[in-house]
Amino acid sequence: MSQTTTRRARTADKSAERPGFRCTECGWTATKWVGRCGECQEWGSVVEDAGPGSGGPRTVAVAPTRNPARPIHEIDVESAAARPTGVDELDRVLGGGLVPGAVVLLAGEPGVGKSTLLLDVAARAARTGRRVLYVTGEESAAQVRLRAGRIHALDPALLLAAETDLGTVLGHVEAVDPDLLVLDSVQTVSSAQVDGAPGGVSQVREVTAALITAAKSRALPVVLVGHVTKDGSVAGPRTLEHLVDVVCQFEGERHSRLRLLRATKNRYGPTDEVGCFDLSEHGIVGLADPSGLFTSRLVSDVPGTCLTVTLEGRRPLAAEVQALVAPSVVPNPRRTTSGVDGSRLAMVLAVLQRRLGARLADQDVYVSTVGGARVVEPAADLALALAAVSGRENVPVHAGLVAVGEVGLAGEIRPVPGVGRRLAEAARLGCSRAVVPAGTLAEVAVPDGLRVVEAPDLAAAVLAGLAPQDPADGSR
């Protein structure tokens, strides 16, 4: 009987020591490794989880002596007021600034400018009299010092430490007692109390939980830098995004100076705001008016160009679409795009050829945007169509024209959201004429000095968009 009991105890000890496996995407657990997650069906996301098992002691109820429950109207809201960071575009996305005790996760691809932006934010906070602790785990202190000197982010109140151990980082927080903590990045810091390599599921969960505890207990705003995977999502376990208060994505093309900051999760503000930044060798600067990066000339007599206004969240951005149509010398004409969805362009060209009789089957069509803008929403279809017809007929569009609308397969122009904000942005930029879908002006106030034409279909839009030419030129 004693031998059986001993054998069972040894078996229980071995099962308790056996490491588990967890999916980095959804948190699904398994007792052995599998190539595909049984919950989210993601391949290669199951990794070893050496965290503690579920056989620990049960939690005992404790009387709340420090923070008893109080009526909701007695709760002080001043402690949760956002404090501006000094960077207007970042404050726009965060909802006014950093909230004391909030944990913000800033993710983005390598080289997009995350560290440069946060170093500038840390220096601005230090200049206001706040003590800032900047912890780097990817670079040495000297490398960060060089970048700070290049972007003029040097201040005595900005303290710098190069650490990768969680205990040492928390020790710096105890010793410095900062008003703002920046950790670059959360995947490089590990805890000696948890098994696993830095960046693993257990390590990231432990590091994030410890920093959140410190942030809430000290009313300390914490900004974490996070890596992204190949598909652009935040690296690490999905619980990382659930634990933090704000998740921001920093986006931008490598060949463009424009950087966009979006909030995919925000407990203290909206998630449909977009911040625009200009990244250069002198640092990163917020752009209150980024439309100038995407337009070459509002008044142009060159065929094949048309202006449109896109919406990034709730923010209107003007973008210029250029189309070059030339006779093809190959059996299969080329369709080349830059900054425009190729499948969307193919659909618009097919509608032009079928509904308007435009001869495009034997033409090479090259479409690009100015300044590296990315135009993907359907509201830019009408500008694509007008630019293609203008390039094909060698007739420029009206001077100061802006086109907004979605093109349907039947040749109709469909309504799009946010026309009022788009027209207001066009009027601010100096546009004098706009072509919009029919029925749009019933609920939209037309800005002063802007003549708006409602077009029910492509034929009406082309007549209203292309500029009339001198009869002496042999054209209409």
Protein backbone atom coordinates (compact mmCIF):
# COMPACT_ATOMS: atom_id res chain seq x y z
CA MET A 1 0.00 0.00 0.00
CA SER A 2 2.85 2.39 0.81
CA GLN A 3 4.65 1.54 -2.43
CA THR A 4 1.51 2.36 -4.43
CA THR A 5 1.15 5.68 -2.61
CA THR A 6 4.82 6.53 -3.22
CA ARG A 7 4.50 5.67 -6.92
CA ARG A 8 1.43 7.91 -7.23
CA ALA A 9 3.22 10.77 -5.48
CA ARG A 10 6.20 10.49 -7.82
CA THR A 11 3.87 10.45 -10.81
CA ALA A 12 2.14 13.58 -9.51
CA ASP A 13 5.50 15.29 -8.96
CA LYS A 14 6.61 14.49 -12.51
CA SER A 15 3.35 15.79 -13.99
CA ALA A 16 3.69 18.97 -11.94
CA GLU A 17 7.22 19.52 -13.24
CA ARG A 18 6.28 18.75 -16.83
CA PRO A 19 6.31 21.99 -18.85
CA GLY A 20 3.17 23.01 -20.69
CA PHE A 21 2.72 24.63 -24.05
CA ARG A 22 0.79 27.78 -24.87
CA CYS A 23 -0.33 29.51 -28.07
CA THR A 24 1.20 32.96 -28.44
CA GLU A 25 -1.83 34.20 -30.39
CA CYS A 26 -4.84 33.19 -28.29
CA GLY A 27 -3.38 31.67 -25.09
CA TRP A 28 -4.61 28.10 -25.73
CA THR A 29 -2.72 25.57 -23.59
CA ALA A 30 -1.70 21.98 -24.26
CA THR A 31 0.28 19.30 -22.43
CA LYS A 32 2.47 18.54 -25.45
CA TRP A 33 3.75 20.48 -28.41
CA VAL A 34 1.67 20.61 -31.57
CA GLY A 35 2.35 22.39 -34.82
CA ARG A 36 -1.07 24.01 -35.04
CA CYS A 37 -3.10 25.70 -32.33
CA GLY A 38 -6.28 23.81 -31.50
CA GLU A 39 -8.20 27.03 -30.79
CA CYS A 40 -7.24 29.68 -33.37
CA GLN A 41 -5.77 27.20 -35.93
CA GLU A 42 -2.57 29.25 -36.24
CA TRP A 43 0.51 27.36 -37.44
CA GLY A 44 3.78 27.57 -35.48
CA SER A 45 2.33 29.63 -32.61
CA VAL A 46 2.52 26.97 -29.88
CA VAL A 47 5.65 27.38 -27.72
CA GLU A 48 6.81 26.01 -24.42
CA ASP A 49 5.33 27.66 -21.35
CA ALA A 50 7.40 27.06 -18.26
CA GLY A 51 5.12 29.04 -15.99
CA PRO A 52 3.71 27.70 -12.74
CA GLY A 53 1.00 25.06 -12.91
CA SER A 54 -2.57 25.36 -11.81
CA GLY A 55 -2.14 23.29 -8.68
CA GLY A 56 -1.30 26.21 -6.38
CA PRO A 57 -3.18 27.13 -3.21
CA ARG A 58 -6.66 28.53 -3.48
CA THR A 59 -7.16 32.26 -3.03
CA VAL A 60 -8.61 33.28 0.33
CA ALA A 61 -10.94 36.27 0.66
CA VAL A 62 -9.34 39.27 2.37
CA ALA A 63 -11.16 42.27 3.80
CA PRO A 64 -10.45 45.42 1.71
CA THR A 65 -8.86 47.73 4.25
CA ARG A 66 -6.95 50.07 1.91
CA ASN A 67 -9.46 50.70 -0.88
CA PRO A 68 -12.99 49.97 0.30
CA ALA A 69 -15.87 50.26 -2.15
CA ARG A 70 -17.29 53.78 -2.31
CA PRO A 71 -20.22 55.42 -4.10
CA ILE A 72 -19.30 56.21 -7.67
CA HIS A 73 -20.00 59.94 -7.35
CA GLU A 74 -17.36 60.19 -4.59
CA ILE A 75 -14.56 58.90 -6.81
CA ASP A 76 -11.92 61.56 -7.58
CA VAL A 77 -11.62 62.02 -11.35
CA GLU A 78 -8.76 64.52 -11.22
CA SER A 79 -6.26 61.69 -10.70
CA ALA A 80 -7.30 60.18 -14.03
CA ALA A 81 -6.95 63.40 -16.05
CA ALA A 82 -4.66 63.13 -19.05
CA ARG A 83 -1.44 65.14 -19.05
CA PRO A 84 -0.25 66.46 -22.42
CA THR A 85 3.03 65.04 -23.71
CA GLY A 86 4.01 68.13 -25.66
CA VAL A 87 3.56 66.32 -28.99
CA ASP A 88 0.17 67.38 -30.34
CA GLU A 89 -0.17 64.51 -32.80
CA LEU A 90 0.52 61.94 -30.07
CA ASP A 91 -1.94 63.66 -27.72
CA ARG A 92 -4.55 63.52 -30.48
CA VAL A 93 -4.25 59.73 -30.67
CA LEU A 94 -4.03 59.15 -26.92
CA GLY A 95 -7.08 61.28 -26.23
CA GLY A 96 -5.39 64.29 -24.63
CA GLY A 97 -2.15 62.86 -23.25
CA LEU A 98 -0.84 60.25 -20.83
CA VAL A 99 -3.08 59.26 -17.92
CA PRO A 100 -1.31 58.62 -14.56
CA GLY A 101 -1.03 54.87 -14.06
CA ALA A 102 -1.76 54.07 -17.70
CA VAL A 103 0.34 51.52 -19.59
CA VAL A 104 0.74 52.30 -23.30
CA LEU A 105 2.10 49.79 -25.81
CA LEU A 106 3.66 51.32 -28.94
CA ALA A 107 4.30 48.76 -31.67
CA GLY A 108 5.78 49.10 -35.13
CA GLU A 109 8.22 47.68 -37.62
CA PRO A 110 11.97 48.11 -37.12
CA GLY A 111 13.21 51.51 -38.24
CA VAL A 112 9.79 53.15 -38.35
CA GLY A 113 10.76 55.68 -35.65
CA LYS A 114 9.36 54.34 -32.37
CA SER A 115 12.48 54.97 -30.29
CA THR A 116 13.01 58.40 -31.86
CA LEU A 117 9.44 59.46 -31.07
CA LEU A 118 9.54 58.25 -27.47
CA LEU A 119 12.95 59.82 -26.86
CA ASP A 120 11.54 63.14 -28.02
CA VAL A 121 8.47 62.67 -25.78
CA ALA A 122 10.70 61.84 -22.82
CA ALA A 123 12.83 64.96 -23.37
CA ARG A 124 9.75 67.20 -23.64
CA ALA A 125 8.40 65.76 -20.40
CA ALA A 126 11.75 66.33 -18.69
CA ARG A 127 11.79 69.98 -19.78
CA THR A 128 8.49 70.54 -17.95
CA GLY A 129 10.08 69.56 -14.63
CA ARG A 130 9.08 65.90 -14.56
CA ARG A 131 11.60 63.16 -13.84
CA VAL A 132 11.73 60.65 -16.69
CA LEU A 133 13.37 57.21 -16.69
CA TYR A 134 14.23 55.82 -20.12
CA VAL A 135 15.25 52.13 -20.01
CA THR A 136 16.70 50.60 -23.16
CA GLY A 137 17.23 46.90 -23.64
CA GLU A 138 18.15 46.88 -27.32
CA GLU A 139 20.85 49.54 -27.47
CA SER A 140 23.65 50.71 -25.25
CA ALA A 141 23.36 53.94 -23.29
CA ALA A 142 25.95 55.57 -25.56
CA GLN A 143 23.92 54.78 -28.69
CA VAL A 144 20.79 56.32 -27.20
CA ARG A 145 22.86 59.34 -26.12
CA LEU A 146 24.01 59.87 -29.71
CA ARG A 147 20.44 59.81 -30.99
CA ALA A 148 19.33 62.19 -28.26
CA GLY A 149 22.04 64.65 -29.25
CA ARG A 150 21.02 64.45 -32.90
CA ILE A 151 17.36 65.26 -32.20
CA HIS A 152 18.13 67.77 -29.40
CA ALA A 153 16.60 65.62 -26.66
CA LEU A 154 19.13 66.24 -23.89
CA ASP A 155 17.91 67.29 -20.45
CA PRO A 156 19.27 66.68 -16.91
CA ALA A 157 15.88 65.37 -15.76
CA LEU A 158 15.97 62.61 -18.40
CA LEU A 159 17.64 59.58 -16.82
CA LEU A 160 18.91 56.75 -19.01
CA ALA A 161 19.61 53.12 -18.10
CA ALA A 162 20.53 50.12 -20.24
CA GLU A 163 19.04 47.04 -18.53
CA THR A 164 17.46 43.74 -19.55
CA ASP A 165 16.66 42.30 -16.10
CA LEU A 166 13.20 42.96 -14.71
CA GLY A 167 14.39 43.10 -11.11
CA THR A 168 16.99 45.72 -11.96
CA VAL A 169 14.43 47.77 -13.89
CA LEU A 170 12.07 47.75 -10.90
CA GLY A 171 15.03 48.71 -8.71
CA HIS A 172 15.68 51.75 -10.92
CA VAL A 173 12.02 52.69 -10.55
CA GLU A 174 12.29 52.46 -6.75
CA ALA A 175 15.49 54.52 -6.67
CA VAL A 176 14.52 57.20 -9.19
CA ASP A 177 10.78 57.46 -8.45
CA PRO A 178 10.09 58.80 -11.98
CA ASP A 179 7.04 60.63 -13.28
CA LEU A 180 7.27 58.76 -16.61
CA LEU A 181 8.80 55.40 -17.52
CA VAL A 182 9.73 54.39 -21.07
CA LEU A 183 10.85 50.79 -21.71
CA ASP A 184 12.39 49.95 -25.08
CA SER A 185 11.44 47.19 -25.55
CA VAL A 186 9.27 44.82 -23.52
CA GLN A 187 10.46 41.75 -25.47
CA THR A 188 14.09 42.29 -24.43
CA VAL A 189 13.48 42.31 -20.67
CA SER A 190 13.32 39.04 -18.76
CA SER A 191 12.77 37.92 -15.17
CA ALA A 192 15.11 35.58 -13.33
CA GLN A 193 12.12 34.07 -11.50
CA VAL A 194 10.57 32.71 -14.70
CA ASP A 195 12.08 30.14 -17.06
CA GLY A 196 12.25 30.80 -20.77
CA ALA A 197 14.05 33.06 -23.18
CA PRO A 198 13.35 36.81 -23.36
CA GLY A 199 10.36 37.48 -25.57
CA GLY A 200 8.69 34.17 -24.74
CA VAL A 201 5.14 33.84 -23.55
CA SER A 202 5.97 33.44 -19.86
CA GLN A 203 8.59 36.18 -19.84
CA VAL A 204 6.47 38.78 -21.63
CA ARG A 205 3.49 38.02 -19.41
CA GLU A 206 5.58 38.30 -16.23
CA VAL A 207 7.34 41.50 -17.29
CA THR A 208 4.12 43.19 -18.37
CA ALA A 209 2.26 42.16 -15.21
CA ALA A 210 5.06 43.49 -12.98
CA LEU A 211 5.21 46.83 -14.82
CA ILE A 212 1.43 47.20 -14.71
CA THR A 213 1.47 46.60 -10.96
CA ALA A 214 4.16 49.25 -10.51
CA ALA A 215 2.28 51.68 -12.73
CA LYS A 216 -1.04 51.32 -10.91
CA SER A 217 0.46 51.47 -7.42
CA ARG A 218 2.55 54.57 -8.18
CA ALA A 219 0.17 56.34 -10.59
CA LEU A 220 3.11 56.15 -13.00
CA PRO A 221 2.47 56.36 -16.77
CA VAL A 222 4.46 53.66 -18.54
CA VAL A 223 5.17 53.46 -22.28
CA LEU A 224 6.30 50.08 -23.64
CA VAL A 225 7.84 49.54 -27.05
CA GLY A 226 6.74 46.30 -28.71
CA HIS A 227 7.93 44.35 -31.71
CA VAL A 228 5.67 43.26 -34.56
CA THR A 229 5.51 40.06 -36.57
CA LYS A 230 5.85 39.70 -40.33
CA ASP A 231 2.13 40.29 -40.85
CA GLY A 232 2.25 43.54 -38.84
CA SER A 233 0.56 42.33 -35.63
CA VAL A 234 2.02 42.85 -32.17
CA ALA A 235 4.57 40.15 -31.34
CA GLY A 236 4.19 38.05 -28.21
CA PRO A 237 1.10 36.60 -26.53
CA ARG A 238 -2.28 38.11 -27.28
CA THR A 239 -2.70 38.67 -23.53
CA LEU A 240 -0.13 41.47 -23.82
CA GLU A 241 -2.63 43.60 -25.71
CA HIS A 242 -5.40 42.73 -23.24
CA LEU A 243 -3.34 43.72 -20.20
CA VAL A 244 -2.23 47.19 -21.29
CA ASP A 245 -4.53 50.20 -21.42
CA VAL A 246 -3.59 51.62 -24.83
CA VAL A 247 -2.22 49.88 -27.93
CA CYS A 248 -0.80 52.12 -30.67
CA GLN A 249 0.52 51.10 -34.08
CA PHE A 250 3.25 53.17 -35.73
CA GLU A 251 3.11 52.75 -39.51
CA GLY A 252 5.02 54.09 -42.46
CA GLU A 253 6.64 53.16 -45.75
CA ARG A 254 10.41 52.94 -45.79
CA HIS A 255 10.61 55.20 -48.86
CA SER A 256 8.29 57.83 -47.42
CA ARG A 257 8.89 60.40 -44.69
CA LEU A 258 5.30 60.19 -43.47
CA ARG A 259 4.55 58.15 -40.36
CA LEU A 260 1.04 57.40 -39.13
CA LEU A 261 0.15 56.60 -35.53
CA ARG A 262 -3.11 54.76 -34.85
CA ALA A 263 -4.71 53.56 -31.62
CA THR A 264 -6.17 50.07 -31.96
CA LYS A 265 -7.18 50.03 -28.28
CA ASN A 266 -7.69 53.02 -26.00
CA ARG A 267 -9.41 52.95 -22.63
CA TYR A 268 -9.12 56.72 -22.24
CA GLY A 269 -9.96 58.07 -25.70
CA PRO A 270 -11.11 57.35 -29.25
CA THR A 271 -9.64 54.74 -31.55
CA ASP A 272 -10.44 56.47 -34.83
CA GLU A 273 -7.90 59.29 -34.57
CA VAL A 274 -4.68 59.29 -36.59
CA GLY A 275 -1.48 61.16 -35.83
CA CYS A 276 0.84 62.21 -38.65
CA PHE A 277 4.59 62.64 -38.28
CA ASP A 278 7.45 63.62 -40.55
CA LEU A 279 10.59 61.52 -40.00
CA SER A 280 13.86 63.08 -41.13
CA GLU A 281 17.52 62.98 -40.19
CA HIS A 282 16.90 65.68 -37.59
CA GLY A 283 14.24 63.70 -35.76
CA ILE A 284 10.51 63.27 -35.93
CA VAL A 285 8.05 66.17 -36.05
CA GLY A 286 4.27 66.17 -35.83
CA LEU A 287 2.42 67.26 -38.95
CA ALA A 288 -0.71 69.27 -38.29
CA ASP A 289 -1.24 69.65 -42.06
CA PRO A 290 0.17 66.60 -43.89
CA SER A 291 -1.80 67.17 -47.09
CA GLY A 292 1.08 69.11 -48.64
CA LEU A 293 3.16 65.91 -48.75
CA PHE A 294 0.69 64.21 -51.09
CA THR A 295 -0.04 66.96 -53.59
CA SER A 296 2.24 68.51 -56.17
CA ARG A 297 0.09 71.29 -57.62
CA LEU A 298 -3.55 72.04 -57.00
CA VAL A 299 -3.79 74.00 -60.25
CA SER A 300 -2.38 71.87 -63.03
CA ASP A 301 -2.96 71.57 -66.76
CA VAL A 302 -1.17 68.22 -67.10
CA PRO A 303 -3.47 65.40 -68.27
CA GLY A 304 -3.73 62.32 -66.10
CA THR A 305 -3.80 63.93 -62.65
CA CYS A 306 -6.72 64.24 -60.25
CA LEU A 307 -7.03 65.20 -56.60
CA THR A 308 -9.06 63.28 -54.01
CA VAL A 309 -9.51 63.41 -50.25
CA THR A 310 -9.22 60.23 -48.19
CA LEU A 311 -10.13 59.65 -44.56
CA GLU A 312 -7.62 58.21 -42.11
CA GLY A 313 -9.90 57.56 -39.16
CA ARG A 314 -11.70 60.87 -38.81
CA ARG A 315 -8.88 62.88 -40.38
CA PRO A 316 -9.16 64.01 -44.03
CA LEU A 317 -5.97 63.80 -46.10
CA ALA A 318 -5.66 65.10 -49.65
CA ALA A 319 -3.93 62.82 -52.13
CA GLU A 320 -3.08 63.32 -55.79
CA VAL A 321 -3.53 60.39 -58.17
CA GLN A 322 -1.51 60.35 -61.39
CA ALA A 323 -2.21 58.07 -64.37
CA LEU A 324 -0.08 57.56 -67.47
CA VAL A 325 -1.82 55.84 -70.38
CA ALA A 326 0.35 54.86 -73.36
CA PRO A 327 -0.03 52.44 -76.31
CA SER A 328 1.19 48.96 -75.42
CA VAL A 329 3.88 47.17 -77.41
CA VAL A 330 3.22 43.78 -75.80
CA PRO A 331 0.24 41.43 -76.23
CA ASN A 332 -0.72 41.79 -72.56
CA PRO A 333 -0.84 45.50 -71.58
CA ARG A 334 0.80 46.42 -68.31
CA ARG A 335 -1.12 47.56 -65.24
CA THR A 336 1.40 49.00 -62.77
CA THR A 337 0.44 50.73 -59.54
CA SER A 338 2.23 52.48 -56.70
CA GLY A 339 0.22 53.48 -53.65
CA VAL A 340 -3.02 52.22 -55.21
CA ASP A 341 -4.71 48.83 -54.95
CA GLY A 342 -4.04 47.01 -58.22
CA SER A 343 -7.28 45.02 -58.14
CA ARG A 344 -9.27 48.19 -57.55
CA LEU A 345 -7.61 49.85 -60.54
CA ALA A 346 -8.35 46.83 -62.74
CA MET A 347 -12.03 47.03 -61.80
CA VAL A 348 -12.24 50.77 -62.53
CA LEU A 349 -10.58 50.32 -65.93
CA ALA A 350 -12.98 47.50 -66.78
CA VAL A 351 -15.97 49.70 -65.89
CA LEU A 352 -14.59 52.56 -68.01
CA GLN A 353 -14.16 50.32 -71.01
CA ARG A 354 -17.52 48.60 -70.68
CA ARG A 355 -19.76 51.50 -69.63
CA LEU A 356 -18.07 54.45 -71.36
CA GLY A 357 -16.44 52.72 -74.30
CA ALA A 358 -12.98 53.93 -73.33
CA ARG A 359 -10.29 52.12 -75.35
CA LEU A 360 -7.98 50.79 -72.67
CA ALA A 361 -7.53 47.15 -73.66
CA ASP A 362 -4.50 47.94 -75.82
CA GLN A 363 -3.03 50.58 -73.50
CA ASP A 364 -0.42 50.36 -70.77
CA VAL A 365 -1.71 52.06 -67.60
CA TYR A 366 0.63 53.28 -64.88
CA VAL A 367 -0.99 54.76 -61.76
CA SER A 368 0.86 56.31 -58.83
CA THR A 369 0.28 58.66 -55.93
CA VAL A 370 2.34 61.71 -55.03
CA GLY A 371 4.56 61.58 -51.95
CA GLY A 372 4.14 57.87 -51.29
CA ALA A 373 0.53 58.16 -50.10
CA ARG A 374 -1.41 54.93 -49.70
CA VAL A 375 -4.90 55.23 -51.22
CA VAL A 376 -6.96 52.11 -50.60
CA GLU A 377 -10.49 53.23 -49.74
CA PRO A 378 -13.26 53.04 -52.38
CA ALA A 379 -13.84 56.81 -52.16
CA ALA A 380 -10.79 57.28 -54.43
CA ASP A 381 -12.36 55.29 -57.30
CA LEU A 382 -13.73 58.39 -59.01
CA ALA A 383 -10.34 60.11 -58.93
CA LEU A 384 -8.77 56.97 -60.46
CA ALA A 385 -11.36 56.96 -63.23
CA LEU A 386 -10.97 60.66 -64.04
CA ALA A 387 -7.17 60.40 -64.03
CA ALA A 388 -7.30 57.39 -66.39
CA VAL A 389 -9.74 59.05 -68.82
CA SER A 390 -7.76 62.29 -68.66
CA GLY A 391 -4.54 60.44 -69.49
CA ARG A 392 -6.19 58.42 -72.26
CA GLU A 393 -7.83 61.43 -73.96
CA ASN A 394 -4.88 63.74 -73.21
CA VAL A 395 -7.30 66.25 -71.71
CA PRO A 396 -6.59 67.73 -68.25
CA VAL A 397 -9.21 67.90 -65.54
CA HIS A 398 -10.62 71.21 -64.36
CA ALA A 399 -8.15 73.38 -62.48
CA GLY A 400 -8.66 72.99 -58.73
CA LEU A 401 -10.90 69.91 -59.08
CA VAL A 402 -11.33 67.30 -56.37
CA ALA A 403 -13.21 64.02 -56.99
CA VAL A 404 -14.76 61.83 -54.29
CA GLY A 405 -16.91 58.75 -54.90
CA GLU A 406 -17.05 54.99 -55.25
CA VAL A 407 -17.47 53.49 -58.72
CA GLY A 408 -19.90 50.60 -59.05
CA LEU A 409 -19.79 47.84 -61.65
CA ALA A 410 -22.86 49.30 -63.35
CA GLY A 411 -21.06 52.61 -63.83
CA GLU A 412 -22.92 54.40 -61.05
CA ILE A 413 -21.25 56.66 -58.47
CA ARG A 414 -22.02 55.47 -54.96
CA PRO A 415 -22.09 57.67 -51.83
CA VAL A 416 -19.17 57.54 -49.40
CA PRO A 417 -19.01 58.53 -45.71
CA GLY A 418 -17.54 61.76 -44.43
CA VAL A 419 -18.21 63.90 -47.52
CA GLY A 420 -18.59 67.02 -45.39
CA ARG A 421 -15.11 66.68 -43.89
CA ARG A 422 -13.66 65.89 -47.30
CA LEU A 423 -15.19 68.98 -48.91
CA ALA A 424 -14.06 71.18 -46.01
CA GLU A 425 -10.48 69.95 -46.47
CA ALA A 426 -10.68 70.53 -50.23
CA ALA A 427 -11.93 74.09 -49.69
CA ARG A 428 -9.17 74.75 -47.17
CA LEU A 429 -6.57 73.66 -49.72
CA GLY A 430 -7.95 76.08 -52.32
CA CYS A 431 -10.01 73.77 -54.53
CA SER A 432 -12.73 75.50 -56.50
CA ARG A 433 -14.71 72.56 -57.93
CA ALA A 434 -15.73 69.15 -56.60
CA VAL A 435 -17.44 66.12 -58.13
CA VAL A 436 -19.36 63.99 -55.63
CA PRO A 437 -22.02 61.23 -55.85
CA ALA A 438 -25.61 62.24 -56.51
CA GLY A 439 -27.71 62.92 -53.41
CA THR A 440 -24.74 63.93 -51.30
CA LEU A 441 -25.59 67.61 -50.84
CA ALA A 442 -28.90 66.91 -49.12
CA GLU A 443 -27.17 66.49 -45.74
CA VAL A 444 -23.85 68.27 -46.36
CA ALA A 445 -23.11 71.98 -46.09
CA VAL A 446 -21.10 73.22 -49.07
CA PRO A 447 -18.11 75.37 -48.07
CA ASP A 448 -17.93 78.88 -49.45
CA GLY A 449 -16.08 79.25 -52.74
CA LEU A 450 -16.46 75.58 -53.69
CA ARG A 451 -18.68 74.61 -56.60
CA VAL A 452 -19.97 71.07 -56.11
CA VAL A 453 -21.36 68.93 -58.95
CA GLU A 454 -23.38 65.80 -58.17
CA ALA A 455 -22.75 63.00 -60.66
CA PRO A 456 -25.05 59.96 -60.76
CA ASP A 457 -22.78 57.94 -63.04
CA LEU A 458 -19.37 57.89 -64.67
CA ALA A 459 -20.53 59.63 -67.84
CA ALA A 460 -21.77 62.66 -65.89
CA ALA A 461 -18.63 62.65 -63.75
CA VAL A 462 -16.35 62.71 -66.81
CA LEU A 463 -18.32 65.57 -68.37
CA ALA A 464 -18.13 67.55 -65.13
CA GLY A 465 -14.51 66.69 -64.38
CA LEU A 466 -12.62 67.11 -67.66
CA ALA A 467 -11.86 70.67 -68.68
CA PRO A 468 -13.31 71.87 -72.01
CA GLN A 469 -10.71 72.62 -74.65
CA ASP A 470 -10.45 75.21 -77.37
CA PRO A 471 -12.31 74.08 -80.54
CA ALA A 472 -9.27 75.20 -82.52
CA ASP A 473 -7.35 72.29 -81.01
CA GLY A 474 -9.70 69.84 -82.66
CA SER A 475 -11.16 68.60 -79.40
CA ARG A 476 -14.46 69.19 -77.65
